Amino acid sequence: MNGSHHRSLLTNREREIFALLLAEKTTKEIAAQLGISEKTVRNHISNTIQKLGVTNRSQAIIELLRLEEFKLE
């Protein structure tokens, strides 16, 4: 499977948003960069939080790192 050991839990857009959160971007900056509204950014973050069964974006980031969805560089 092309070296990928698991399928991502995240949609492409959720992955983009969390990559930008990891890069310390604000919701407003993410919205501007992706050309979407801040509400849409928050909706994607909320969907990811629900998928992971956590209560906030910090816990979501920790869980995504634990699941190896992202790696710190």
N, C-alpha and C. Protein backbone atom coordinates (compact mmCIF):
# COMPACT_ATOMS: atom_id res chain seq x y z
N MET A 1 0.83 -1.21 0.00
CA MET A 1 0.00 0.00 0.00
C MET A 1 0.86 1.25 0.00
N ASN A 2 1.84 1.29 -0.86
CA ASN A 2 2.73 2.44 -1.03
C ASN A 2 3.40 2.92 0.25
N GLY A 3 3.75 2.02 1.14
CA GLY A 3 4.48 2.39 2.35
C GLY A 3 3.63 2.99 3.45
N SER A 4 2.37 3.27 3.19
CA SER A 4 1.50 3.84 4.21
C SER A 4 0.97 2.69 5.07
N HIS A 5 1.16 2.80 6.40
CA HIS A 5 0.78 1.68 7.26
C HIS A 5 -0.66 1.76 7.76
N HIS A 6 -1.33 2.89 7.56
CA HIS A 6 -2.74 2.98 7.93
C HIS A 6 -3.42 4.10 7.17
N ARG A 7 -4.72 3.99 7.07
CA ARG A 7 -5.49 5.03 6.42
C ARG A 7 -5.78 6.12 7.45
N SER A 8 -5.71 7.36 7.01
CA SER A 8 -5.93 8.50 7.90
C SER A 8 -7.37 8.54 8.41
N LEU A 9 -7.51 8.97 9.64
CA LEU A 9 -8.84 9.21 10.22
C LEU A 9 -9.41 10.53 9.70
N LEU A 10 -8.53 11.38 9.20
CA LEU A 10 -8.92 12.73 8.83
C LEU A 10 -9.22 12.87 7.35
N THR A 11 -10.13 13.80 7.04
CA THR A 11 -10.32 14.18 5.64
C THR A 11 -9.13 15.05 5.24
N ASN A 12 -8.98 15.29 3.95
CA ASN A 12 -7.88 16.14 3.50
C ASN A 12 -7.97 17.53 4.13
N ARG A 13 -9.17 18.08 4.21
CA ARG A 13 -9.34 19.42 4.77
C ARG A 13 -9.02 19.43 6.27
N GLU A 14 -9.48 18.42 7.00
CA GLU A 14 -9.15 18.34 8.44
C GLU A 14 -7.64 18.25 8.62
N ARG A 15 -6.99 17.47 7.77
CA ARG A 15 -5.53 17.32 7.84
C ARG A 15 -4.85 18.68 7.59
N GLU A 16 -5.33 19.42 6.59
CA GLU A 16 -4.77 20.75 6.31
C GLU A 16 -4.90 21.67 7.52
N ILE A 17 -6.08 21.66 8.11
CA ILE A 17 -6.36 22.55 9.24
C ILE A 17 -5.49 22.18 10.44
N PHE A 18 -5.39 20.90 10.77
CA PHE A 18 -4.58 20.51 11.93
C PHE A 18 -3.08 20.71 11.67
N ALA A 19 -2.65 20.58 10.42
CA ALA A 19 -1.25 20.88 10.10
C ALA A 19 -0.97 22.36 10.36
N LEU A 20 -1.93 23.21 10.03
CA LEU A 20 -1.76 24.65 10.27
C LEU A 20 -1.85 24.97 11.76
N LEU A 21 -2.72 24.27 12.49
CA LEU A 21 -2.76 24.45 13.95
C LEU A 21 -1.42 24.07 14.57
N LEU A 22 -0.84 22.98 14.08
CA LEU A 22 0.48 22.57 14.58
C LEU A 22 1.55 23.60 14.25
N ALA A 23 1.34 24.35 13.17
CA ALA A 23 2.27 25.41 12.78
C ALA A 23 1.95 26.72 13.52
N GLU A 24 1.09 26.61 14.55
CA GLU A 24 0.74 27.73 15.43
C GLU A 24 -0.05 28.84 14.74
N LYS A 25 -0.85 28.46 13.75
CA LYS A 25 -1.73 29.43 13.08
C LYS A 25 -3.03 29.55 13.87
N THR A 26 -3.61 30.74 13.86
CA THR A 26 -4.90 30.95 14.51
C THR A 26 -6.03 30.51 13.57
N THR A 27 -7.23 30.39 14.13
CA THR A 27 -8.39 30.05 13.32
C THR A 27 -8.56 31.07 12.20
N LYS A 28 -8.39 32.34 12.53
CA LYS A 28 -8.53 33.41 11.54
C LYS A 28 -7.49 33.28 10.43
N GLU A 29 -6.25 32.99 10.80
CA GLU A 29 -5.18 32.83 9.81
C GLU A 29 -5.44 31.61 8.91
N ILE A 30 -5.92 30.53 9.52
CA ILE A 30 -6.21 29.31 8.76
C ILE A 30 -7.33 29.59 7.75
N ALA A 31 -8.37 30.27 8.20
CA ALA A 31 -9.50 30.60 7.31
C ALA A 31 -9.01 31.42 6.12
N ALA A 32 -8.20 32.43 6.39
CA ALA A 32 -7.69 33.29 5.31
C ALA A 32 -6.81 32.49 4.35
N GLN A 33 -5.95 31.66 4.90
CA GLN A 33 -5.03 30.89 4.06
C GLN A 33 -5.77 29.89 3.17
N LEU A 34 -6.83 29.27 3.70
CA LEU A 34 -7.57 28.26 2.95
C LEU A 34 -8.75 28.83 2.17
N GLY A 35 -9.04 30.11 2.36
CA GLY A 35 -10.15 30.74 1.63
C GLY A 35 -11.51 30.25 2.08
N ILE A 36 -11.64 29.95 3.38
CA ILE A 36 -12.92 29.50 3.95
C ILE A 36 -13.22 30.37 5.17
N SER A 37 -14.43 30.26 5.70
CA SER A 37 -14.80 31.08 6.86
C SER A 37 -14.21 30.51 8.15
N GLU A 38 -14.11 31.36 9.14
CA GLU A 38 -13.64 30.90 10.46
C GLU A 38 -14.60 29.86 11.02
N LYS A 39 -15.91 30.03 10.76
CA LYS A 39 -16.89 29.06 11.24
C LYS A 39 -16.64 27.68 10.62
N THR A 40 -16.30 27.66 9.35
CA THR A 40 -16.00 26.38 8.68
C THR A 40 -14.76 25.74 9.29
N VAL A 41 -13.76 26.54 9.58
CA VAL A 41 -12.55 26.01 10.24
C VAL A 41 -12.93 25.39 11.58
N ARG A 42 -13.73 26.12 12.36
CA ARG A 42 -14.15 25.61 13.68
C ARG A 42 -14.98 24.33 13.53
N ASN A 43 -15.82 24.26 12.48
CA ASN A 43 -16.61 23.04 12.25
C ASN A 43 -15.70 21.84 11.97
N HIS A 44 -14.68 22.03 11.16
CA HIS A 44 -13.75 20.94 10.87
C HIS A 44 -13.01 20.51 12.15
N ILE A 45 -12.63 21.47 12.96
CA ILE A 45 -11.95 21.15 14.23
C ILE A 45 -12.90 20.37 15.14
N SER A 46 -14.15 20.83 15.24
CA SER A 46 -15.15 20.14 16.07
C SER A 46 -15.41 18.72 15.59
N ASN A 47 -15.50 18.54 14.28
CA ASN A 47 -15.71 17.20 13.73
C ASN A 47 -14.56 16.27 14.10
N THR A 48 -13.34 16.79 14.02
CA THR A 48 -12.17 15.98 14.36
C THR A 48 -12.16 15.64 15.84
N ILE A 49 -12.49 16.61 16.69
CA ILE A 49 -12.56 16.38 18.14
C ILE A 49 -13.56 15.26 18.44
N GLN A 50 -14.72 15.30 17.77
CA GLN A 50 -15.73 14.24 17.97
C GLN A 50 -15.21 12.89 17.50
N LYS A 51 -14.60 12.85 16.33
CA LYS A 51 -14.07 11.58 15.80
C LYS A 51 -13.10 10.94 16.77
N LEU A 52 -12.28 11.77 17.41
CA LEU A 52 -11.23 11.27 18.29
C LEU A 52 -11.73 10.98 19.71
N GLY A 53 -12.92 11.47 20.03
CA GLY A 53 -13.47 11.26 21.37
C GLY A 53 -12.75 12.05 22.44
N VAL A 54 -12.28 13.24 22.06
CA VAL A 54 -11.60 14.12 23.03
C VAL A 54 -12.46 15.36 23.24
N THR A 55 -12.00 16.26 24.11
CA THR A 55 -12.86 17.40 24.46
C THR A 55 -12.40 18.75 23.93
N ASN A 56 -11.16 18.85 23.44
CA ASN A 56 -10.71 20.14 22.92
C ASN A 56 -9.61 19.96 21.88
N ARG A 57 -9.24 21.06 21.23
CA ARG A 57 -8.27 20.97 20.13
C ARG A 57 -6.88 20.56 20.60
N SER A 58 -6.50 20.95 21.81
CA SER A 58 -5.19 20.53 22.33
C SER A 58 -5.13 19.02 22.49
N GLN A 59 -6.19 18.46 23.07
CA GLN A 59 -6.25 16.99 23.21
C GLN A 59 -6.29 16.32 21.84
N ALA A 60 -6.97 16.94 20.89
CA ALA A 60 -7.03 16.37 19.53
C ALA A 60 -5.63 16.31 18.93
N ILE A 61 -4.86 17.38 19.09
CA ILE A 61 -3.50 17.40 18.55
C ILE A 61 -2.66 16.31 19.20
N ILE A 62 -2.76 16.19 20.51
CA ILE A 62 -1.99 15.14 21.23
C ILE A 62 -2.39 13.76 20.71
N GLU A 63 -3.68 13.53 20.55
CA GLU A 63 -4.16 12.23 20.08
C GLU A 63 -3.70 11.96 18.64
N LEU A 64 -3.74 12.97 17.79
CA LEU A 64 -3.29 12.80 16.41
C LEU A 64 -1.80 12.49 16.35
N LEU A 65 -1.03 13.09 17.24
CA LEU A 65 0.41 12.77 17.31
C LEU A 65 0.60 11.34 17.81
N ARG A 66 -0.18 10.96 18.81
CA ARG A 66 -0.08 9.61 19.36
C ARG A 66 -0.42 8.55 18.31
N LEU A 67 -1.42 8.86 17.49
CA LEU A 67 -1.85 7.94 16.44
C LEU A 67 -0.95 8.01 15.20
N GLU A 68 0.04 8.88 15.27
CA GLU A 68 1.00 9.08 14.18
C GLU A 68 0.34 9.63 12.91
N GLU A 69 -0.73 10.40 13.11
CA GLU A 69 -1.33 11.11 11.99
C GLU A 69 -0.41 12.27 11.58
N PHE A 70 0.31 12.81 12.57
CA PHE A 70 1.28 13.87 12.36
C PHE A 70 2.53 13.53 13.14
N LYS A 71 3.64 14.10 12.72
CA LYS A 71 4.90 13.97 13.46
C LYS A 71 5.44 15.36 13.71
N LEU A 72 5.99 15.58 14.90
CA LEU A 72 6.64 16.85 15.19
C LEU A 72 7.99 16.88 14.49
N GLU A 73 8.33 18.03 13.95
CA GLU A 73 9.61 18.12 13.23
C GLU A 73 10.60 18.97 13.98
